[in-house]
């Protein structure tokens, strides 16, 4: 029976050793889990902060794009109006030159045939 008792004691010792190793591995795994949970929490916080920043940037960008579109529209309208003014000025100048020429002919020195 002593031999069986010794074998049982050996098995018991090995079993306790295996259980202790499993507990040690579980504690290490638990430590790693806690580290990853902390990192996950930090990352989720960073995502929230970056999402808020992205939202603010998108809103600002939309406002600036709308303002730029307004500038583009105003510039295009102003340039079109300016071109019309230039065309009108050119037409006015042509008419004025023609009328000046006609007036000069009408008021110019009379030829000797007119006397």
Protein backbone atom coordinates (compact mmCIF):
# COMPACT_ATOMS: atom_id res chain seq x y z
CA UNK A 1 0.00 0.00 0.00
CA UNK A 2 2.92 2.27 0.64
CA UNK A 3 3.86 2.09 -2.97
CA UNK A 4 0.35 3.18 -3.95
CA UNK A 5 0.47 5.97 -1.41
CA UNK A 6 3.77 7.19 -2.82
CA UNK A 7 2.39 7.09 -6.35
CA UNK A 8 -0.73 8.94 -5.20
CA UNK A 9 1.45 11.55 -3.50
CA UNK A 10 3.49 11.97 -6.72
CA UNK A 11 0.30 12.37 -8.74
CA UNK A 12 -1.01 14.84 -6.20
CA UNK A 13 2.19 16.87 -6.33
CA UNK A 14 2.14 16.94 -10.13
CA UNK A 15 -1.53 17.89 -10.13
CA UNK A 16 -0.90 20.76 -7.72
CA UNK A 17 2.06 21.87 -9.84
CA UNK A 18 -0.09 21.82 -13.02
CA UNK A 19 -2.86 23.76 -11.29
CA UNK A 20 -0.34 26.35 -10.08
CA UNK A 21 1.06 26.68 -13.62
CA UNK A 22 -2.46 27.13 -15.02
CA UNK A 23 -3.19 29.78 -12.38
CA UNK A 24 0.06 31.57 -13.24
CA UNK A 25 -0.76 31.49 -16.95
CA UNK A 26 -4.28 32.75 -16.19
CA UNK A 27 -2.89 35.65 -14.15
CA UNK A 28 -0.52 36.59 -16.99
CA UNK A 29 -3.39 36.37 -19.47
CA UNK A 30 -5.56 38.49 -17.15
CA UNK A 31 -2.78 41.11 -16.99
CA UNK A 32 -2.59 41.18 -20.80
CA UNK A 33 -6.38 41.48 -21.02
CA UNK A 34 -6.35 44.45 -18.64
CA UNK A 35 -3.63 46.13 -20.70
CA UNK A 36 -5.59 45.63 -23.91
CA UNK A 37 -8.80 46.86 -22.28
CA UNK A 38 -6.98 50.00 -21.15
CA UNK A 39 -5.57 50.48 -24.66
CA UNK A 40 -9.04 49.91 -26.14
CA UNK A 41 -10.46 52.55 -23.81
CA UNK A 42 -7.74 55.04 -24.80
CA UNK A 43 -8.32 54.32 -28.49
CA UNK A 44 -12.08 54.76 -28.12
CA UNK A 45 -11.47 58.10 -26.41
CA UNK A 46 -9.08 59.14 -29.19
CA UNK A 47 -11.68 58.11 -31.79
CA UNK A 48 -14.33 60.24 -30.06
CA UNK A 49 -11.98 63.24 -29.93
CA UNK A 50 -10.93 62.80 -33.57
CA UNK A 51 -14.54 62.28 -34.67
CA UNK A 52 -15.51 65.56 -33.00
CA UNK A 53 -12.55 67.33 -34.63
CA UNK A 54 -13.45 65.83 -38.00
CA UNK A 55 -17.01 67.05 -37.60
CA UNK A 56 -15.83 70.58 -36.79
CA UNK A 57 -13.42 70.56 -39.74
CA UNK A 58 -16.17 69.31 -42.08
CA UNK A 59 -18.51 72.07 -40.92
CA UNK A 60 -15.80 74.71 -41.36
CA UNK A 61 -14.89 73.31 -44.76
CA UNK A 62 -18.52 73.41 -45.89
CA UNK A 63 -18.80 77.06 -44.82
CA UNK A 64 -15.57 77.96 -46.60
CA UNK A 65 -16.56 76.11 -49.76
CA UNK A 66 -19.88 77.97 -49.80
CA UNK A 67 -18.05 81.28 -49.28
CA UNK A 68 -15.66 80.44 -52.11
CA UNK A 69 -18.61 79.63 -54.37
CA UNK A 70 -20.07 83.04 -53.48
CA UNK A 71 -16.75 84.69 -54.35
CA UNK A 72 -16.62 82.81 -57.66
CA UNK A 73 -20.20 83.85 -58.51
CA UNK A 74 -19.56 87.48 -57.55
CA UNK A 75 -16.32 87.58 -59.54
CA UNK A 76 -17.99 86.04 -62.61
CA UNK A 77 -20.93 88.48 -62.41
CA UNK A 78 -18.58 91.45 -61.92
CA UNK A 79 -16.37 90.41 -64.82
CA UNK A 80 -19.44 89.98 -67.06
CA UNK A 81 -20.74 93.43 -66.07
CA UNK A 82 -17.29 94.93 -66.63
CA UNK A 83 -17.15 93.39 -70.12
CA UNK A 84 -20.54 94.93 -70.90
CA UNK A 85 -19.23 98.30 -69.69
CA UNK A 86 -16.16 97.92 -71.93
CA UNK A 87 -18.34 97.00 -74.91
CA UNK A 88 -20.61 99.98 -74.21
CA UNK A 89 -17.59 102.27 -73.85
CA UNK A 90 -16.20 101.01 -77.15
CA UNK A 91 -19.57 101.54 -78.85
CA UNK A 92 -19.86 105.01 -77.31
CA UNK A 93 -16.35 105.90 -78.44
CA UNK A 94 -17.08 104.72 -81.99
CA UNK A 95 -20.30 106.74 -82.10
CA UNK A 96 -18.56 109.79 -80.65
CA UNK A 97 -15.73 109.58 -83.22
CA UNK A 98 -18.24 109.24 -86.03
CA UNK A 99 -20.28 112.20 -84.79
CA UNK A 100 -17.14 114.25 -84.25
CA UNK A 101 -16.14 113.50 -87.82
CA UNK A 102 -19.59 114.50 -89.08
CA UNK A 103 -19.54 117.70 -87.04
CA UNK A 104 -16.07 118.54 -88.27
CA UNK A 105 -17.21 118.12 -91.86
CA UNK A 106 -20.33 120.20 -91.24
CA UNK A 107 -18.50 123.02 -89.50
CA UNK A 108 -15.28 122.87 -91.46
CA UNK A 109 -14.02 125.65 -93.81
CA UNK A 110 -16.24 126.08 -96.79
CA UNK A 111 -14.80 125.47 -100.15
CA UNK A 112 -14.61 128.31 -102.63
CA UNK A 113 -17.47 126.79 -104.54
CA UNK A 114 -19.89 127.57 -101.67
CA UNK A 115 -19.39 131.36 -101.95
